[in-house]
Amino acid sequence: AGHALHGGAHALLAGSPGTRERHLAEALRHFADGDPLVPATALLPALTSHPDPVLDAFRTRLRGPHREAADCLRRLLADATTPA
């Protein structure tokens, strides 16, 4: 049962700049795998500091079997970016 909570814990810790380096990779892995405890919004703070791995995780999620949230993910990414 504790393993099921790991993704959510990593996502929470990845949201904080002080603990992001240590937990972001695991949070992104859980997110890309479709973990329901790792919402897309939990990863947005890391988008500015680690854009490539965060965008890779979104890309994987959008292309994978967990496409049910594709529209939500697209909206979150659109809202998270500032036009040039």
PDB file of N, CA and C in Angstrom:
ATOM      1  N   ALA A   1       0.831  -1.196   0.000  1.00  0.00           N
ATOM      2  CA  ALA A   1       0.000   0.000   0.000  1.00  0.00           C
ATOM      3  C   ALA A   1       0.872   1.254   0.000  1.00  0.00           C
ATOM      4  N   GLY A   2       1.988   1.210   0.702  1.00  0.00           N
ATOM      5  CA  GLY A   2       2.874   2.374   0.751  1.00  0.00           C
ATOM      6  C   GLY A   2       3.466   2.713  -0.602  1.00  0.00           C
ATOM      7  N   HIS A   3       3.728   1.674  -1.421  1.00  0.00           N
ATOM      8  CA  HIS A   3       4.293   1.914  -2.747  1.00  0.00           C
ATOM      9  C   HIS A   3       3.338   2.716  -3.615  1.00  0.00           C
ATOM     10  N   ALA A   4       2.038   2.526  -3.449  1.00  0.00           N
ATOM     11  CA  ALA A   4       1.042   3.248  -4.233  1.00  0.00           C
ATOM     12  C   ALA A   4       1.092   4.748  -3.949  1.00  0.00           C
ATOM     13  N   LEU A   5       1.571   5.125  -2.792  1.00  0.00           N
ATOM     14  CA  LEU A   5       1.627   6.543  -2.429  1.00  0.00           C
ATOM     15  C   LEU A   5       2.927   7.209  -2.860  1.00  0.00           C
ATOM     16  N   HIS A   6       3.903   6.446  -3.300  1.00  0.00           N
ATOM     17  CA  HIS A   6       5.213   7.010  -3.622  1.00  0.00           C
ATOM     18  C   HIS A   6       5.138   8.069  -4.710  1.00  0.00           C
ATOM     19  N   GLY A   7       4.354   7.849  -5.744  1.00  0.00           N
ATOM     20  CA  GLY A   7       4.255   8.817  -6.830  1.00  0.00           C
ATOM     21  C   GLY A   7       3.754  10.155  -6.336  1.00  0.00           C
ATOM     22  N   GLY A   8       2.724  10.144  -5.527  1.00  0.00           N
ATOM     23  CA  GLY A   8       2.186  11.384  -4.969  1.00  0.00           C
ATOM     24  C   GLY A   8       3.183  12.090  -4.074  1.00  0.00           C
ATOM     25  N   ALA A   9       3.925  11.324  -3.286  1.00  0.00           N
ATOM     26  CA  ALA A   9       4.936  11.927  -2.411  1.00  0.00           C
ATOM     27  C   ALA A   9       6.062  12.549  -3.228  1.00  0.00           C
ATOM     28  N   HIS A  10       6.511  11.855  -4.259  1.00  0.00           N
ATOM     29  CA  HIS A  10       7.554  12.409  -5.121  1.00  0.00           C
ATOM     30  C   HIS A  10       7.059  13.670  -5.818  1.00  0.00           C
ATOM     31  N   ALA A  11       5.813  13.662  -6.273  1.00  0.00           N
ATOM     32  CA  ALA A  11       5.254  14.834  -6.949  1.00  0.00           C
ATOM     33  C   ALA A  11       5.204  16.029  -6.004  1.00  0.00           C
ATOM     34  N   LEU A  12       4.794  15.791  -4.784  1.00  0.00           N
ATOM     35  CA  LEU A  12       4.739  16.866  -3.796  1.00  0.00           C
ATOM     36  C   LEU A  12       6.130  17.433  -3.541  1.00  0.00           C
ATOM     37  N   LEU A  13       7.106  16.573  -3.380  1.00  0.00           N
ATOM     38  CA  LEU A  13       8.471  17.022  -3.115  1.00  0.00           C
ATOM     39  C   LEU A  13       9.122  17.649  -4.350  1.00  0.00           C
ATOM     40  N   ALA A  14       8.722  17.215  -5.537  1.00  0.00           N
ATOM     41  CA  ALA A  14       9.262  17.801  -6.767  1.00  0.00           C
ATOM     42  C   ALA A  14       8.740  19.218  -6.986  1.00  0.00           C
ATOM     43  N   GLY A  15       7.649  19.561  -6.355  1.00  0.00           N
ATOM     44  CA  GLY A  15       7.088  20.899  -6.486  1.00  0.00           C
ATOM     45  C   GLY A  15       7.857  21.957  -5.718  1.00  0.00           C
ATOM     46  N   SER A  16       8.664  21.548  -4.789  1.00  0.00           N
ATOM     47  CA  SER A  16       9.438  22.484  -3.973  1.00  0.00           C
ATOM     48  C   SER A  16      10.858  22.606  -4.517  1.00  0.00           C
ATOM     49  N   PRO A  17      11.326  23.830  -4.735  1.00  0.00           N
ATOM     50  CA  PRO A  17      12.687  24.003  -5.260  1.00  0.00           C
ATOM     51  C   PRO A  17      13.759  23.331  -4.400  1.00  0.00           C
ATOM     52  N   GLY A  18      13.549  23.268  -3.117  1.00  0.00           N
ATOM     53  CA  GLY A  18      14.551  22.697  -2.221  1.00  0.00           C
ATOM     54  C   GLY A  18      14.685  21.183  -2.317  1.00  0.00           C
ATOM     55  N   THR A  19      13.652  20.505  -2.761  1.00  0.00           N
ATOM     56  CA  THR A  19      13.686  19.047  -2.846  1.00  0.00           C
ATOM     57  C   THR A  19      13.479  18.537  -4.273  1.00  0.00           C
ATOM     58  N   ARG A  20      13.362  19.446  -5.213  1.00  0.00           N
ATOM     59  CA  ARG A  20      13.059  19.077  -6.606  1.00  0.00           C
ATOM     60  C   ARG A  20      14.108  18.164  -7.222  1.00  0.00           C
ATOM     61  N   GLU A  21      15.378  18.513  -7.103  1.00  0.00           N
ATOM     62  CA  GLU A  21      16.450  17.723  -7.742  1.00  0.00           C
ATOM     63  C   GLU A  21      16.375  16.260  -7.352  1.00  0.00           C
ATOM     64  N   ARG A  22      16.102  16.012  -6.101  1.00  0.00           N
ATOM     65  CA  ARG A  22      16.123  14.650  -5.589  1.00  0.00           C
ATOM     66  C   ARG A  22      14.904  13.824  -6.008  1.00  0.00           C
ATOM     67  N   HIS A  23      13.744  14.488  -6.241  1.00  0.00           N
ATOM     68  CA  HIS A  23      12.502  13.749  -6.432  1.00  0.00           C
ATOM     69  C   HIS A  23      11.851  13.914  -7.801  1.00  0.00           C
ATOM     70  N   LEU A  24      12.345  14.812  -8.610  1.00  0.00           N
ATOM     71  CA  LEU A  24      11.671  15.095  -9.878  1.00  0.00           C
ATOM     72  C   LEU A  24      11.656  13.894 -10.816  1.00  0.00           C
ATOM     73  N   ALA A  25      12.762  13.206 -10.964  1.00  0.00           N
ATOM     74  CA  ALA A  25      12.819  12.081 -11.905  1.00  0.00           C
ATOM     75  C   ALA A  25      11.778  11.014 -11.573  1.00  0.00           C
ATOM     76  N   GLU A  26      11.636  10.696 -10.304  1.00  0.00           N
ATOM     77  CA  GLU A  26      10.646   9.694  -9.902  1.00  0.00           C
ATOM     78  C   GLU A  26       9.228  10.207 -10.105  1.00  0.00           C
ATOM     79  N   ALA A  27       8.990  11.467  -9.787  1.00  0.00           N
ATOM     80  CA  ALA A  27       7.659  12.041 -10.002  1.00  0.00           C
ATOM     81  C   ALA A  27       7.301  12.010 -11.483  1.00  0.00           C
ATOM     82  N   LEU A  28       8.258  12.342 -12.339  1.00  0.00           N
ATOM     83  CA  LEU A  28       8.010  12.331 -13.777  1.00  0.00           C
ATOM     84  C   LEU A  28       7.760  10.912 -14.285  1.00  0.00           C
ATOM     85  N   ARG A  29       8.489   9.960 -13.748  1.00  0.00           N
ATOM     86  CA  ARG A  29       8.279   8.570 -14.155  1.00  0.00           C
ATOM     87  C   ARG A  29       6.871   8.109 -13.790  1.00  0.00           C
ATOM     88  N   HIS A  30       6.450   8.410 -12.570  1.00  0.00           N
ATOM     89  CA  HIS A  30       5.109   8.029 -12.129  1.00  0.00           C
ATOM     90  C   HIS A  30       4.049   8.710 -12.992  1.00  0.00           C
ATOM     91  N   PHE A  31       4.252   9.993 -13.282  1.00  0.00           N
ATOM     92  CA  PHE A  31       3.303  10.729 -14.109  1.00  0.00           C
ATOM     93  C   PHE A  31       3.209  10.117 -15.506  1.00  0.00           C
ATOM     94  N   ALA A  32       4.341   9.880 -16.127  1.00  0.00           N
ATOM     95  CA  ALA A  32       4.367   9.318 -17.481  1.00  0.00           C
ATOM     96  C   ALA A  32       3.709   7.939 -17.522  1.00  0.00           C
ATOM     97  N   ASP A  33       3.809   7.195 -16.424  1.00  0.00           N
ATOM     98  CA  ASP A  33       3.205   5.868 -16.339  1.00  0.00           C
ATOM     99  C   ASP A  33       1.708   5.913 -16.039  1.00  0.00           C
ATOM    100  N   GLY A  34       1.164   7.119 -15.846  1.00  0.00           N
ATOM    101  CA  GLY A  34      -0.270   7.256 -15.609  1.00  0.00           C
ATOM    102  C   GLY A  34      -0.694   7.176 -14.160  1.00  0.00           C
ATOM    103  N   ASP A  35       0.215   7.371 -13.239  1.00  0.00           N
ATOM    104  CA  ASP A  35      -0.119   7.324 -11.813  1.00  0.00           C
ATOM    105  C   ASP A  35      -1.172   8.385 -11.500  1.00  0.00           C
ATOM    106  N   PRO A  36      -2.343   7.984 -11.011  1.00  0.00           N
ATOM    107  CA  PRO A  36      -3.398   8.958 -10.718  1.00  0.00           C
ATOM    108  C   PRO A  36      -3.084   9.869  -9.539  1.00  0.00           C
ATOM    109  N   LEU A  37      -2.076   9.525  -8.749  1.00  0.00           N
ATOM    110  CA  LEU A  37      -1.701  10.367  -7.614  1.00  0.00           C
ATOM    111  C   LEU A  37      -0.700  11.459  -7.997  1.00  0.00           C
ATOM    112  N   VAL A  38      -0.335  11.513  -9.278  1.00  0.00           N
ATOM    113  CA  VAL A  38       0.580  12.546  -9.755  1.00  0.00           C
ATOM    114  C   VAL A  38      -0.161  13.373 -10.810  1.00  0.00           C
ATOM    115  N   PRO A  39      -0.841  14.427 -10.355  1.00  0.00           N
ATOM    116  CA  PRO A  39      -1.561  15.253 -11.322  1.00  0.00           C
ATOM    117  C   PRO A  39      -0.600  16.131 -12.114  1.00  0.00           C
ATOM    118  N   ALA A  40      -1.019  16.513 -13.291  1.00  0.00           N
ATOM    119  CA  ALA A  40      -0.195  17.369 -14.144  1.00  0.00           C
ATOM    120  C   ALA A  40       0.166  18.671 -13.448  1.00  0.00           C
ATOM    121  N   THR A  41      -0.741  19.201 -12.660  1.00  0.00           N
ATOM    122  CA  THR A  41      -0.489  20.474 -11.973  1.00  0.00           C
ATOM    123  C   THR A  41       0.673  20.380 -10.998  1.00  0.00           C
ATOM    124  N   ALA A  42       0.947  19.194 -10.474  1.00  0.00           N
ATOM    125  CA  ALA A  42       2.053  19.028  -9.526  1.00  0.00           C
ATOM    126  C   ALA A  42       3.405  19.234 -10.199  1.00  0.00           C
ATOM    127  N   LEU A  43       3.457  19.055 -11.513  1.00  0.00           N
ATOM    128  CA  LEU A  43       4.725  19.161 -12.227  1.00  0.00           C
ATOM    129  C   LEU A  43       4.977  20.549 -12.807  1.00  0.00           C
ATOM    130  N   LEU A  44       3.967  21.379 -12.833  1.00  0.00           N
ATOM    131  CA  LEU A  44       4.131  22.693 -13.447  1.00  0.00           C
ATOM    132  C   LEU A  44       5.199  23.559 -12.802  1.00  0.00           C
ATOM    133  N   PRO A  45       5.389  23.534 -11.482  1.00  0.00           N
ATOM    134  CA  PRO A  45       6.468  24.349 -10.914  1.00  0.00           C
ATOM    135  C   PRO A  45       7.849  23.978 -11.463  1.00  0.00           C
ATOM    136  N   ALA A  46       8.036  22.715 -11.835  1.00  0.00           N
ATOM    137  CA  ALA A  46       9.328  22.262 -12.349  1.00  0.00           C
ATOM    138  C   ALA A  46       9.509  22.594 -13.828  1.00  0.00           C
ATOM    139  N   LEU A  47       8.462  23.069 -14.469  1.00  0.00           N
ATOM    140  CA  LEU A  47       8.550  23.377 -15.891  1.00  0.00           C
ATOM    141  C   LEU A  47       9.551  24.488 -16.170  1.00  0.00           C
ATOM    142  N   THR A  48       9.665  25.450 -15.287  1.00  0.00           N
ATOM    143  CA  THR A  48      10.603  26.548 -15.510  1.00  0.00           C
ATOM    144  C   THR A  48      12.042  26.152 -15.228  1.00  0.00           C
ATOM    145  N   SER A  49      12.259  25.276 -14.266  1.00  0.00           N
ATOM    146  CA  SER A  49      13.628  24.903 -13.909  1.00  0.00           C
ATOM    147  C   SER A  49      14.141  23.681 -14.675  1.00  0.00           C
ATOM    148  N   HIS A  50      13.240  22.797 -15.093  1.00  0.00           N
ATOM    149  CA  HIS A  50      13.606  21.551 -15.773  1.00  0.00           C
ATOM    150  C   HIS A  50      12.659  21.311 -16.952  1.00  0.00           C
ATOM    151  N   PRO A  51      12.625  22.219 -17.920  1.00  0.00           N
ATOM    152  CA  PRO A  51      11.615  22.100 -18.981  1.00  0.00           C
ATOM    153  C   PRO A  51      11.727  20.819 -19.807  1.00  0.00           C
ATOM    154  N   ASP A  52      12.928  20.393 -20.156  1.00  0.00           N
ATOM    155  CA  ASP A  52      13.067  19.226 -21.031  1.00  0.00           C
ATOM    156  C   ASP A  52      12.511  17.945 -20.410  1.00  0.00           C
ATOM    157  N   PRO A  53      12.894  17.575 -19.191  1.00  0.00           N
ATOM    158  CA  PRO A  53      12.339  16.335 -18.640  1.00  0.00           C
ATOM    159  C   PRO A  53      10.833  16.429 -18.366  1.00  0.00           C
ATOM    160  N   VAL A  54      10.362  17.607 -17.972  1.00  0.00           N
ATOM    161  CA  VAL A  54       8.926  17.755 -17.721  1.00  0.00           C
ATOM    162  C   VAL A  54       8.156  17.606 -19.027  1.00  0.00           C
ATOM    163  N   LEU A  55       8.598  18.267 -20.067  1.00  0.00           N
ATOM    164  CA  LEU A  55       7.916  18.162 -21.361  1.00  0.00           C
ATOM    165  C   LEU A  55       8.009  16.746 -21.924  1.00  0.00           C
ATOM    166  N   ASP A  56       9.120  16.061 -21.686  1.00  0.00           N
ATOM    167  CA  ASP A  56       9.240  14.664 -22.114  1.00  0.00           C
ATOM    168  C   ASP A  56       8.199  13.787 -21.418  1.00  0.00           C
ATOM    169  N   ALA A  57       7.983  14.020 -20.127  1.00  0.00           N
ATOM    170  CA  ALA A  57       6.989  13.238 -19.385  1.00  0.00           C
ATOM    171  C   ALA A  57       5.585  13.523 -19.910  1.00  0.00           C
ATOM    172  N   PHE A  58       5.281  14.794 -20.199  1.00  0.00           N
ATOM    173  CA  PHE A  58       3.984  15.126 -20.776  1.00  0.00           C
ATOM    174  C   PHE A  58       3.823  14.453 -22.134  1.00  0.00           C
ATOM    175  N   ARG A  59       4.868  14.491 -22.942  1.00  0.00           N
ATOM    176  CA  ARG A  59       4.830  13.877 -24.270  1.00  0.00           C
ATOM    177  C   ARG A  59       4.556  12.379 -24.159  1.00  0.00           C
ATOM    178  N   THR A  60       5.240  11.724 -23.253  1.00  0.00           N
ATOM    179  CA  THR A  60       5.040  10.289 -23.047  1.00  0.00           C
ATOM    180  C   THR A  60       3.611  10.005 -22.614  1.00  0.00           C
ATOM    181  N   ARG A  61       3.119  10.800 -21.692  1.00  0.00           N
ATOM    182  CA  ARG A  61       1.753  10.603 -21.191  1.00  0.00           C
ATOM    183  C   ARG A  61       0.726  10.802 -22.298  1.00  0.00           C
ATOM    184  N   LEU A  62       0.942  11.818 -23.129  1.00  0.00           N
ATOM    185  CA  LEU A  62      -0.005  12.094 -24.206  1.00  0.00           C
ATOM    186  C   LEU A  62      -0.003  11.018 -25.280  1.00  0.00           C
ATOM    187  N   ARG A  63       1.124  10.376 -25.488  1.00  0.00           N
ATOM    188  CA  ARG A  63       1.236   9.338 -26.514  1.00  0.00           C
ATOM    189  C   ARG A  63       0.906   7.950 -26.001  1.00  0.00           C
ATOM    190  N   GLY A  64       0.895   7.791 -24.708  1.00  0.00           N
ATOM    191  CA  GLY A  64       0.692   6.466 -24.124  1.00  0.00           C
ATOM    192  C   GLY A  64      -0.762   6.095 -23.961  1.00  0.00           C
ATOM    193  N   PRO A  65      -0.993   5.023 -23.216  1.00  0.00           N
ATOM    194  CA  PRO A  65      -2.360   4.527 -23.032  1.00  0.00           C
ATOM    195  C   PRO A  65      -3.209   5.401 -22.106  1.00  0.00           C
ATOM    196  N   HIS A  66      -2.596   6.370 -21.441  1.00  0.00           N
ATOM    197  CA  HIS A  66      -3.323   7.214 -20.484  1.00  0.00           C
ATOM    198  C   HIS A  66      -3.736   8.522 -21.141  1.00  0.00           C
ATOM    199  N   ARG A  67      -4.345   8.438 -22.300  1.00  0.00           N
ATOM    200  CA  ARG A  67      -4.689   9.611 -23.089  1.00  0.00           C
ATOM    201  C   ARG A  67      -5.977  10.271 -22.629  1.00  0.00           C
ATOM    202  N   GLU A  68      -6.659   9.700 -21.666  1.00  0.00           N
ATOM    203  CA  GLU A  68      -7.938  10.252 -21.234  1.00  0.00           C
ATOM    204  C   GLU A  68      -7.814  11.683 -20.731  1.00  0.00           C
ATOM    205  N   ALA A  69      -6.644  12.068 -20.310  1.00  0.00           N
ATOM    206  CA  ALA A  69      -6.435  13.409 -19.780  1.00  0.00           C
ATOM    207  C   ALA A  69      -5.736  14.319 -20.786  1.00  0.00           C
ATOM    208  N   ALA A  70      -5.698  13.941 -22.046  1.00  0.00           N
ATOM    209  CA  ALA A  70      -4.940  14.699 -23.045  1.00  0.00           C
ATOM    210  C   ALA A  70      -5.392  16.147 -23.148  1.00  0.00           C
ATOM    211  N   ASP A  71      -6.692  16.387 -23.200  1.00  0.00           N
ATOM    212  CA  ASP A  71      -7.172  17.772 -23.309  1.00  0.00           C
ATOM    213  C   ASP A  71      -6.799  18.589 -22.082  1.00  0.00           C
ATOM    214  N   CYS A  72      -6.912  17.986 -20.918  1.00  0.00           N
ATOM    215  CA  CYS A  72      -6.529  18.675 -19.680  1.00  0.00           C
ATOM    216  C   CYS A  72      -5.050  19.014 -19.691  1.00  0.00           C
ATOM    217  N   LEU A  73      -4.216  18.077 -20.107  1.00  0.00           N
ATOM    218  CA  LEU A  73      -2.776  18.311 -20.150  1.00  0.00           C
ATOM    219  C   LEU A  73      -2.435  19.419 -21.139  1.00  0.00           C
ATOM    220  N   ARG A  74      -3.072  19.412 -22.280  1.00  0.00           N
ATOM    221  CA  ARG A  74      -2.805  20.457 -23.274  1.00  0.00           C
ATOM    222  C   ARG A  74      -3.175  21.829 -22.722  1.00  0.00           C
ATOM    223  N   ARG A  75      -4.310  21.914 -22.043  1.00  0.00           N
ATOM    224  CA  ARG A  75      -4.736  23.201 -21.448  1.00  0.00           C
ATOM    225  C   ARG A  75      -3.747  23.660 -20.383  1.00  0.00           C
ATOM    226  N   LEU A  76      -3.289  22.738 -19.538  1.00  0.00           N
ATOM    227  CA  LEU A  76      -2.331  23.104 -18.495  1.00  0.00           C
ATOM    228  C   LEU A  76      -1.042  23.633 -19.103  1.00  0.00           C
ATOM    229  N   LEU A  77      -0.552  22.961 -20.131  1.00  0.00           N
ATOM    230  CA  LEU A  77       0.677  23.429 -20.774  1.00  0.00           C
ATOM    231  C   LEU A  77       0.472  24.770 -21.451  1.00  0.00           C
ATOM    232  N   ALA A  78      -0.669  24.962 -22.073  1.00  0.00           N
ATOM    233  CA  ALA A  78      -0.939  26.247 -22.728  1.00  0.00           C
ATOM    234  C   ALA A  78      -1.014  27.373 -21.703  1.00  0.00           C
ATOM    235  N   ASP A  79      -1.615  27.106 -20.565  1.00  0.00           N
ATOM    236  CA  ASP A  79      -1.730  28.117 -19.519  1.00  0.00           C
ATOM    237  C   ASP A  79      -0.396  28.377 -18.823  1.00  0.00           C
ATOM    238  N   ALA A  80       0.499  27.407 -18.852  1.00  0.00           N
ATOM    239  CA  ALA A  80       1.780  27.535 -18.150  1.00  0.00           C
ATOM    240  C   ALA A  80       2.813  28.304 -18.937  1.00  0.00           C
ATOM    241  N   THR A  81       2.585  28.529 -20.204  1.00  0.00           N
ATOM    242  CA  THR A  81       3.566  29.198 -21.032  1.00  0.00           C
ATOM    243  C   THR A  81       3.148  30.624 -21.331  1.00  0.00           C
ATOM    244  N   THR A  82       4.118  31.463 -21.519  1.00  0.00           N
ATOM    245  CA  THR A  82       3.877  32.858 -21.864  1.00  0.00           C
ATOM    246  C   THR A  82       4.263  33.053 -23.326  1.00  0.00           C
ATOM    247  N   PRO A  83       3.357  33.642 -24.110  1.00  0.00           N
ATOM    248  CA  PRO A  83       3.721  33.865 -25.520  1.00  0.00           C
ATOM    249  C   PRO A  83       4.966  34.717 -25.637  1.00  0.00           C
ATOM    250  N   ALA A  84       5.773  34.434 -26.635  1.00  0.00           N
ATOM    251  CA  ALA A  84       7.031  35.186 -26.841  1.00  0.00           C
ATOM    252  C   ALA A  84       6.744  36.644 -27.203  1.00  0.00           C
TER     253      ALA A  84
END
